[in-house]
N, C-alpha and C. Protein backbone atom coordinates (compact mmCIF):
# COMPACT_ATOMS: atom_id res chain seq x y z
N MET A 1 94.52 113.80 124.77
CA MET A 1 95.79 113.95 124.10
C MET A 1 95.59 114.12 122.60
N THR A 2 96.21 115.12 122.03
CA THR A 2 96.09 115.38 120.61
C THR A 2 97.20 114.65 119.86
N ARG A 3 96.82 113.99 118.80
CA ARG A 3 97.80 113.27 118.00
C ARG A 3 98.46 114.22 117.02
N ARG A 4 99.77 114.15 116.92
CA ARG A 4 100.49 114.99 115.97
C ARG A 4 100.21 114.53 114.55
N ASP A 5 100.11 115.48 113.67
CA ASP A 5 99.97 115.16 112.25
C ASP A 5 101.28 114.56 111.79
N GLU A 6 101.24 113.74 110.76
CA GLU A 6 102.47 113.15 110.27
C GLU A 6 102.48 113.15 108.75
N LEU A 7 103.68 113.19 108.19
CA LEU A 7 103.85 113.10 106.75
C LEU A 7 103.93 111.62 106.37
N LEU A 8 103.11 111.23 105.42
CA LEU A 8 103.09 109.85 104.94
C LEU A 8 103.81 109.75 103.60
N THR A 9 104.52 108.67 103.40
CA THR A 9 105.15 108.42 102.11
C THR A 9 104.07 107.91 101.15
N VAL A 10 104.38 107.90 99.87
CA VAL A 10 103.41 107.39 98.88
C VAL A 10 103.07 105.93 99.19
N PRO A 11 104.04 105.04 99.47
CA PRO A 11 103.65 103.66 99.81
C PRO A 11 102.72 103.58 101.03
N GLN A 12 102.93 104.44 102.02
CA GLN A 12 102.04 104.45 103.19
C GLN A 12 100.63 104.89 102.79
N VAL A 13 100.54 105.90 101.93
CA VAL A 13 99.23 106.37 101.45
C VAL A 13 98.53 105.26 100.68
N LEU A 14 99.27 104.58 99.81
CA LEU A 14 98.68 103.50 99.02
C LEU A 14 98.15 102.39 99.93
N ALA A 15 98.89 102.07 100.98
CA ALA A 15 98.45 101.05 101.94
C ALA A 15 97.19 101.52 102.67
N GLU A 16 97.16 102.81 103.05
CA GLU A 16 95.97 103.37 103.74
C GLU A 16 94.74 103.29 102.83
N LEU A 17 94.97 103.39 101.54
CA LEU A 17 93.86 103.36 100.58
C LEU A 17 93.49 101.94 100.17
N GLY A 18 94.05 100.96 100.85
CA GLY A 18 93.68 99.58 100.60
C GLY A 18 94.40 98.94 99.43
N GLY A 19 95.58 99.43 99.11
CA GLY A 19 96.37 98.80 98.06
C GLY A 19 96.18 99.39 96.68
N VAL A 20 95.78 100.65 96.60
CA VAL A 20 95.72 101.33 95.31
C VAL A 20 97.12 101.30 94.69
N SER A 21 97.21 101.10 93.40
CA SER A 21 98.52 101.01 92.77
C SER A 21 99.18 102.39 92.67
N ARG A 22 100.50 102.38 92.62
CA ARG A 22 101.27 103.61 92.47
C ARG A 22 100.86 104.31 91.16
N ARG A 23 100.69 103.54 90.12
CA ARG A 23 100.32 104.11 88.82
C ARG A 23 98.97 104.84 88.90
N THR A 24 98.02 104.22 89.60
CA THR A 24 96.70 104.86 89.77
C THR A 24 96.83 106.15 90.56
N PHE A 25 97.62 106.11 91.63
CA PHE A 25 97.81 107.31 92.45
C PHE A 25 98.39 108.45 91.61
N TYR A 26 99.41 108.18 90.81
CA TYR A 26 100.02 109.24 89.99
C TYR A 26 99.08 109.70 88.88
N ARG A 27 98.23 108.81 88.40
CA ARG A 27 97.23 109.20 87.41
C ARG A 27 96.23 110.17 88.06
N TRP A 28 95.81 109.86 89.30
CA TRP A 28 94.92 110.76 90.03
C TRP A 28 95.58 112.13 90.16
N ARG A 29 96.89 112.15 90.43
CA ARG A 29 97.60 113.44 90.55
C ARG A 29 97.55 114.20 89.24
N GLU A 30 97.77 113.51 88.12
CA GLU A 30 97.70 114.17 86.80
C GLU A 30 96.32 114.78 86.57
N LEU A 31 95.30 114.11 87.04
CA LEU A 31 93.92 114.56 86.84
C LEU A 31 93.44 115.55 87.90
N GLY A 32 94.31 115.83 88.89
CA GLY A 32 93.93 116.75 89.96
C GLY A 32 92.95 116.15 90.94
N ARG A 33 92.95 114.81 91.07
CA ARG A 33 91.99 114.13 91.92
C ARG A 33 92.62 113.46 93.14
N ALA A 34 93.91 113.61 93.32
CA ALA A 34 94.63 113.00 94.45
C ALA A 34 94.62 113.95 95.64
N PRO A 35 94.95 113.43 96.81
CA PRO A 35 95.09 114.32 97.97
C PRO A 35 96.25 115.29 97.75
N VAL A 36 96.21 116.40 98.45
CA VAL A 36 97.27 117.40 98.36
C VAL A 36 98.59 116.76 98.78
N CYS A 37 99.63 116.98 97.98
CA CYS A 37 100.94 116.40 98.26
C CYS A 37 101.95 117.51 98.53
N VAL A 38 102.98 117.15 99.29
CA VAL A 38 104.13 118.03 99.54
C VAL A 38 105.29 117.42 98.78
N GLN A 39 105.94 118.23 97.93
CA GLN A 39 107.10 117.73 97.21
C GLN A 39 108.36 118.19 97.93
N LEU A 40 109.16 117.23 98.35
CA LEU A 40 110.40 117.52 99.05
C LEU A 40 111.48 117.94 98.06
N PRO A 41 112.57 118.54 98.54
CA PRO A 41 113.65 118.97 97.63
C PRO A 41 114.23 117.82 96.79
N ASN A 42 114.15 116.58 97.30
CA ASN A 42 114.66 115.44 96.52
C ASN A 42 113.59 114.90 95.57
N LEU A 43 112.49 115.64 95.41
CA LEU A 43 111.37 115.35 94.52
C LEU A 43 110.45 114.23 95.00
N GLU A 44 110.71 113.67 96.19
CA GLU A 44 109.80 112.68 96.73
C GLU A 44 108.54 113.38 97.22
N LEU A 45 107.43 112.65 97.19
CA LEU A 45 106.15 113.20 97.63
C LEU A 45 105.81 112.70 99.02
N ARG A 46 105.13 113.55 99.77
CA ARG A 46 104.59 113.19 101.08
C ARG A 46 103.19 113.77 101.16
N VAL A 47 102.37 113.14 101.99
CA VAL A 47 100.99 113.60 102.20
C VAL A 47 100.77 113.69 103.70
N TRP A 48 100.32 114.86 104.16
CA TRP A 48 99.98 114.99 105.58
C TRP A 48 98.79 114.08 105.85
N ARG A 49 98.83 113.35 106.95
CA ARG A 49 97.72 112.46 107.31
C ARG A 49 96.41 113.24 107.37
N SER A 50 96.44 114.46 107.89
CA SER A 50 95.21 115.26 107.98
C SER A 50 94.66 115.59 106.59
N ASP A 51 95.54 115.82 105.61
CA ASP A 51 95.08 116.08 104.24
C ASP A 51 94.47 114.83 103.62
N LEU A 52 95.06 113.67 103.90
CA LEU A 52 94.51 112.41 103.39
C LEU A 52 93.12 112.17 103.99
N THR A 53 92.98 112.40 105.28
CA THR A 53 91.69 112.22 105.94
C THR A 53 90.64 113.18 105.37
N ALA A 54 91.02 114.43 105.19
CA ALA A 54 90.09 115.42 104.62
C ALA A 54 89.70 115.04 103.19
N TRP A 55 90.67 114.56 102.42
CA TRP A 55 90.41 114.15 101.04
C TRP A 55 89.43 112.98 101.02
N LEU A 56 89.64 111.99 101.90
CA LEU A 56 88.73 110.86 101.97
C LEU A 56 87.35 111.31 102.39
N ASP A 57 87.26 112.19 103.38
CA ASP A 57 85.96 112.70 103.84
C ASP A 57 85.22 113.42 102.72
N SER A 58 85.95 114.12 101.86
CA SER A 58 85.32 114.86 100.77
C SER A 58 84.75 113.93 99.69
N ARG A 59 85.16 112.68 99.71
CA ARG A 59 84.68 111.72 98.73
C ARG A 59 83.58 110.81 99.26
N ARG A 60 83.16 111.08 100.49
CA ARG A 60 82.11 110.27 101.11
C ARG A 60 80.80 110.54 100.41
N GLU A 61 80.05 109.47 100.12
CA GLU A 61 78.76 109.61 99.46
C GLU A 61 77.64 109.30 100.44
N ALA A 62 76.52 109.96 100.28
CA ALA A 62 75.35 109.66 101.10
C ALA A 62 74.78 108.32 100.64
N ALA A 63 74.39 107.50 101.59
CA ALA A 63 73.83 106.18 101.26
C ALA A 63 72.38 106.29 100.84
């Protein structure tokens, strides 16, 4: 069974990242270092779970 992708809210993304602060997340966005976001017409941000996973994978370091 394939799991459907889902849009995550910023608080959900912060929780997935282990409690990163909202301020840090928006700073990463300013620096172009945050995961790809979707801006809704009401200006709220969402992140596809698949984009968050890909972003995390791209930051993996070799031990």
